[in-house]
């Protein structure tokens, strides 16, 4: 009879849910475990290590597809460090671009908030006056639609 821990104990040891472990198995991130005579999944210490690896990689911001690639690199074990370095460089560039995008979003939201505060702070503000941010969003949406319609007619 194979030895190992059942999925509930594995979940407690790794801090993952039973559903997550089954999902990783289904997605091929975790090998299919041996089964007991009663049909229960039996996981090994290697599986615990493997799940910790997946969890740590995700905490670093790697997607499941990227984790899969890291696992392949780890299993191949040839030139792993150079491959991981390149992989991390790509991930870092992606994170930096997202940070720039978030800074632009933050700036836009601050400006929109300022417009709301300005409109609400006017003494003569009519309670039924349209919100300037909503007007801008509608205008911008209309401008994009018009631009899209014009560009599609050119094609």
C-alpha atoms as a PDB file:
ATOM      1  CA  UNK A   1       0.000   0.000   0.000  1.00  0.00           C
ATOM      2  CA  UNK A   2       1.427   3.435  -0.951  1.00  0.00           C
ATOM      3  CA  UNK A   3       2.339   5.830   1.860  1.00  0.00           C
ATOM      4  CA  UNK A   4       1.525   9.502   1.875  1.00  0.00           C
ATOM      5  CA  UNK A   5      -0.824  12.151   3.190  1.00  0.00           C
ATOM      6  CA  UNK A   6      -4.358  12.688   2.066  1.00  0.00           C
ATOM      7  CA  UNK A   7      -5.437  15.882   0.366  1.00  0.00           C
ATOM      8  CA  UNK A   8      -6.953  17.466   3.502  1.00  0.00           C
ATOM      9  CA  UNK A   9      -3.691  17.200   5.415  1.00  0.00           C
ATOM     10  CA  UNK A  10      -1.764  18.400   2.353  1.00  0.00           C
ATOM     11  CA  UNK A  11      -4.051  21.439   2.168  1.00  0.00           C
ATOM     12  CA  UNK A  12      -3.374  22.259   5.827  1.00  0.00           C
ATOM     13  CA  UNK A  13       0.393  21.801   5.390  1.00  0.00           C
ATOM     14  CA  UNK A  14       0.579  24.055   2.340  1.00  0.00           C
ATOM     15  CA  UNK A  15      -2.090  26.625   3.190  1.00  0.00           C
ATOM     16  CA  UNK A  16      -3.873  25.857  -0.070  1.00  0.00           C
ATOM     17  CA  UNK A  17      -7.452  24.740  -0.461  1.00  0.00           C
ATOM     18  CA  UNK A  18      -8.371  21.221  -1.534  1.00  0.00           C
ATOM     19  CA  UNK A  19      -9.945  22.705  -4.677  1.00  0.00           C
ATOM     20  CA  UNK A  20      -6.728  24.557  -5.514  1.00  0.00           C
ATOM     21  CA  UNK A  21      -4.665  21.400  -5.164  1.00  0.00           C
ATOM     22  CA  UNK A  22      -7.084  19.514  -7.417  1.00  0.00           C
ATOM     23  CA  UNK A  23      -6.981  22.390  -9.902  1.00  0.00           C
ATOM     24  CA  UNK A  24      -3.167  22.303  -9.996  1.00  0.00           C
ATOM     25  CA  UNK A  25      -3.367  18.581 -10.578  1.00  0.00           C
ATOM     26  CA  UNK A  26      -5.893  19.013 -13.403  1.00  0.00           C
ATOM     27  CA  UNK A  27      -3.723  21.719 -14.990  1.00  0.00           C
ATOM     28  CA  UNK A  28      -0.647  19.497 -14.894  1.00  0.00           C
ATOM     29  CA  UNK A  29       1.240  21.650 -12.373  1.00  0.00           C
ATOM     30  CA  UNK A  30       1.176  18.792  -9.898  1.00  0.00           C
ATOM     31  CA  UNK A  31       1.592  15.169 -10.863  1.00  0.00           C
ATOM     32  CA  UNK A  32      -1.323  12.806 -10.342  1.00  0.00           C
ATOM     33  CA  UNK A  33      -0.763  11.159  -6.943  1.00  0.00           C
ATOM     34  CA  UNK A  34      -0.842   7.513  -6.053  1.00  0.00           C
ATOM     35  CA  UNK A  35      -4.082   6.292  -4.541  1.00  0.00           C
ATOM     36  CA  UNK A  36      -4.869   4.244  -1.494  1.00  0.00           C
ATOM     37  CA  UNK A  37      -6.848   1.027  -1.752  1.00  0.00           C
ATOM     38  CA  UNK A  38      -9.891   3.109  -0.835  1.00  0.00           C
ATOM     39  CA  UNK A  39      -9.197   5.496  -3.738  1.00  0.00           C
ATOM     40  CA  UNK A  40      -7.895   8.426  -1.680  1.00  0.00           C
ATOM     41  CA  UNK A  41      -5.155  10.569  -3.182  1.00  0.00           C
ATOM     42  CA  UNK A  42      -1.857  10.099  -1.348  1.00  0.00           C
ATOM     43  CA  UNK A  43       0.705  12.879  -1.568  1.00  0.00           C
ATOM     44  CA  UNK A  44       4.421  12.704  -0.847  1.00  0.00           C
ATOM     45  CA  UNK A  45       6.830  15.194   0.750  1.00  0.00           C
ATOM     46  CA  UNK A  46       7.940  15.973  -2.823  1.00  0.00           C
ATOM     47  CA  UNK A  47       4.371  17.098  -3.585  1.00  0.00           C
ATOM     48  CA  UNK A  48       4.437  19.368  -0.520  1.00  0.00           C
ATOM     49  CA  UNK A  49       7.685  20.946  -1.776  1.00  0.00           C
ATOM     50  CA  UNK A  50       6.225  21.260  -5.258  1.00  0.00           C
ATOM     51  CA  UNK A  51       3.131  23.074  -3.962  1.00  0.00           C
ATOM     52  CA  UNK A  52       5.279  25.416  -1.866  1.00  0.00           C
ATOM     53  CA  UNK A  53       7.277  26.213  -5.022  1.00  0.00           C
ATOM     54  CA  UNK A  54       4.075  27.003  -6.963  1.00  0.00           C
ATOM     55  CA  UNK A  55       2.727  29.164  -4.157  1.00  0.00           C
ATOM     56  CA  UNK A  56       5.989  31.105  -3.755  1.00  0.00           C
ATOM     57  CA  UNK A  57       6.240  31.693  -7.509  1.00  0.00           C
ATOM     58  CA  UNK A  58       2.690  33.035  -7.557  1.00  0.00           C
ATOM     59  CA  UNK A  59       3.458  35.309  -4.616  1.00  0.00           C
ATOM     60  CA  UNK A  60       6.271  36.764  -6.758  1.00  0.00           C
ATOM     61  CA  UNK A  61       3.629  37.621  -9.352  1.00  0.00           C
ATOM     62  CA  UNK A  62       4.124  34.765 -11.787  1.00  0.00           C
ATOM     63  CA  UNK A  63       1.005  33.523 -13.568  1.00  0.00           C
ATOM     64  CA  UNK A  64       0.205  29.817 -13.685  1.00  0.00           C
ATOM     65  CA  UNK A  65       1.512  29.677 -17.257  1.00  0.00           C
ATOM     66  CA  UNK A  66       4.762  31.259 -16.089  1.00  0.00           C
ATOM     67  CA  UNK A  67       4.918  28.882 -13.119  1.00  0.00           C
ATOM     68  CA  UNK A  68       4.543  26.008 -15.564  1.00  0.00           C
ATOM     69  CA  UNK A  69       7.545  27.333 -17.516  1.00  0.00           C
ATOM     70  CA  UNK A  70       9.583  27.681 -14.320  1.00  0.00           C
ATOM     71  CA  UNK A  71       8.732  24.097 -13.403  1.00  0.00           C
ATOM     72  CA  UNK A  72       9.874  22.922 -16.827  1.00  0.00           C
ATOM     73  CA  UNK A  73      13.138  24.821 -16.430  1.00  0.00           C
ATOM     74  CA  UNK A  74      13.571  23.337 -12.960  1.00  0.00           C
ATOM     75  CA  UNK A  75      12.944  19.813 -14.260  1.00  0.00           C
ATOM     76  CA  UNK A  76      15.323  20.218 -17.214  1.00  0.00           C
ATOM     77  CA  UNK A  77      17.988  21.509 -14.823  1.00  0.00           C
ATOM     78  CA  UNK A  78      20.274  22.612 -17.679  1.00  0.00           C
ATOM     79  CA  UNK A  79      21.276  26.261 -17.864  1.00  0.00           C
ATOM     80  CA  UNK A  80      18.500  26.893 -15.358  1.00  0.00           C
ATOM     81  CA  UNK A  81      20.009  29.998 -13.804  1.00  0.00           C
ATOM     82  CA  UNK A  82      20.418  31.840 -17.115  1.00  0.00           C
ATOM     83  CA  UNK A  83      16.896  30.912 -18.195  1.00  0.00           C
ATOM     84  CA  UNK A  84      15.397  31.996 -14.887  1.00  0.00           C
ATOM     85  CA  UNK A  85      17.368  35.250 -14.989  1.00  0.00           C
ATOM     86  CA  UNK A  86      15.976  36.035 -18.456  1.00  0.00           C
ATOM     87  CA  UNK A  87      12.507  35.058 -17.343  1.00  0.00           C
ATOM     88  CA  UNK A  88      12.739  37.337 -14.299  1.00  0.00           C
ATOM     89  CA  UNK A  89      14.045  40.207 -16.439  1.00  0.00           C
ATOM     90  CA  UNK A  90      10.954  39.897 -18.645  1.00  0.00           C
ATOM     91  CA  UNK A  91       8.678  39.753 -15.612  1.00  0.00           C
ATOM     92  CA  UNK A  92      10.371  42.789 -14.079  1.00  0.00           C
ATOM     93  CA  UNK A  93       9.942  44.775 -17.306  1.00  0.00           C
ATOM     94  CA  UNK A  94       6.265  43.825 -17.314  1.00  0.00           C
ATOM     95  CA  UNK A  95       5.857  44.899 -13.684  1.00  0.00           C
ATOM     96  CA  UNK A  96       7.577  48.215 -14.382  1.00  0.00           C
ATOM     97  CA  UNK A  97       5.241  48.871 -17.323  1.00  0.00           C
ATOM     98  CA  UNK A  98       2.232  48.079 -15.140  1.00  0.00           C
ATOM     99  CA  UNK A  99       3.557  50.501 -12.528  1.00  0.00           C
ATOM    100  CA  UNK A 100       3.802  53.247 -15.170  1.00  0.00           C
ATOM    101  CA  UNK A 101       0.267  52.460 -16.300  1.00  0.00           C
ATOM    102  CA  UNK A 102      -0.951  52.590 -12.702  1.00  0.00           C
ATOM    103  CA  UNK A 103       0.767  55.961 -12.176  1.00  0.00           C
ATOM    104  CA  UNK A 104      -1.053  57.316 -15.249  1.00  0.00           C
ATOM    105  CA  UNK A 105      -4.313  55.890 -13.903  1.00  0.00           C
ATOM    106  CA  UNK A 106      -3.648  57.448 -10.495  1.00  0.00           C
ATOM    107  CA  UNK A 107      -3.045  60.830 -12.142  1.00  0.00           C
ATOM    108  CA  UNK A 108      -6.277  60.562 -14.134  1.00  0.00           C
ATOM    109  CA  UNK A 109      -8.274  59.559 -11.063  1.00  0.00           C
ATOM    110  CA  UNK A 110      -6.808  62.437  -9.026  1.00  0.00           C
ATOM    111  CA  UNK A 111      -7.764  64.860 -11.788  1.00  0.00           C
ATOM    112  CA  UNK A 112     -11.296  63.423 -11.944  1.00  0.00           C
ATOM    113  CA  UNK A 113     -11.608  63.661  -8.167  1.00  0.00           C
ATOM    114  CA  UNK A 114     -10.455  67.283  -8.341  1.00  0.00           C
ATOM    115  CA  UNK A 115     -13.147  68.034 -10.920  1.00  0.00           C
ATOM    116  CA  UNK A 116     -15.787  66.466  -8.661  1.00  0.00           C
ATOM    117  CA  UNK A 117     -14.548  68.399  -5.633  1.00  0.00           C
ATOM    118  CA  UNK A 118     -14.517  71.636  -7.639  1.00  0.00           C
ATOM    119  CA  UNK A 119     -18.056  71.083  -8.935  1.00  0.00           C
ATOM    120  CA  UNK A 120     -19.385  70.202  -5.491  1.00  0.00           C
ATOM    121  CA  UNK A 121     -17.624  73.166  -3.892  1.00  0.00           C
ATOM    122  CA  UNK A 122     -19.285  75.817  -6.054  1.00  0.00           C
ATOM    123  CA  UNK A 123     -21.771  77.966  -4.126  1.00  0.00           C
ATOM    124  CA  UNK A 124     -23.978  78.384  -7.178  1.00  0.00           C
ATOM    125  CA  UNK A 125     -23.866  74.700  -8.091  1.00  0.00           C
ATOM    126  CA  UNK A 126     -27.242  73.468  -9.196  1.00  0.00           C
ATOM    127  CA  UNK A 127     -28.186  70.202  -7.517  1.00  0.00           C
ATOM    128  CA  UNK A 128     -29.373  68.907 -10.892  1.00  0.00           C
ATOM    129  CA  UNK A 129     -26.205  69.904 -12.754  1.00  0.00           C
ATOM    130  CA  UNK A 130     -24.508  67.030 -14.515  1.00  0.00           C
ATOM    131  CA  UNK A 131     -21.278  65.807 -13.042  1.00  0.00           C
ATOM    132  CA  UNK A 132     -18.281  67.121 -15.046  1.00  0.00           C
ATOM    133  CA  UNK A 133     -16.568  63.728 -14.876  1.00  0.00           C
ATOM    134  CA  UNK A 134     -19.620  61.984 -16.328  1.00  0.00           C
ATOM    135  CA  UNK A 135     -19.789  64.616 -19.062  1.00  0.00           C
ATOM    136  CA  UNK A 136     -16.108  64.060 -19.888  1.00  0.00           C
ATOM    137  CA  UNK A 137     -16.526  60.287 -19.927  1.00  0.00           C
ATOM    138  CA  UNK A 138     -19.500  60.591 -22.251  1.00  0.00           C
ATOM    139  CA  UNK A 139     -17.620  63.032 -24.503  1.00  0.00           C
ATOM    140  CA  UNK A 140     -14.515  60.827 -24.562  1.00  0.00           C
ATOM    141  CA  UNK A 141     -16.613  57.741 -25.304  1.00  0.00           C
ATOM    142  CA  UNK A 142     -18.390  59.613 -28.106  1.00  0.00           C
ATOM    143  CA  UNK A 143     -15.072  60.868 -29.511  1.00  0.00           C
ATOM    144  CA  UNK A 144     -13.657  57.328 -29.535  1.00  0.00           C
ATOM    145  CA  UNK A 145     -16.795  55.973 -31.189  1.00  0.00           C
ATOM    146  CA  UNK A 146     -16.666  58.698 -33.847  1.00  0.00           C
ATOM    147  CA  UNK A 147     -12.951  58.090 -34.427  1.00  0.00           C
ATOM    148  CA  UNK A 148     -13.591  54.348 -34.712  1.00  0.00           C
ATOM    149  CA  UNK A 149     -16.511  54.890 -37.115  1.00  0.00           C
ATOM    150  CA  UNK A 150     -14.425  57.257 -39.246  1.00  0.00           C
ATOM    151  CA  UNK A 151     -11.470  54.900 -39.331  1.00  0.00           C
ATOM    152  CA  UNK A 152     -13.688  51.967 -40.295  1.00  0.00           C
ATOM    153  CA  UNK A 153     -15.185  53.920 -43.182  1.00  0.00           C
ATOM    154  CA  UNK A 154     -11.704  54.693 -44.493  1.00  0.00           C
ATOM    155  CA  UNK A 155     -10.928  50.995 -44.625  1.00  0.00           C
END
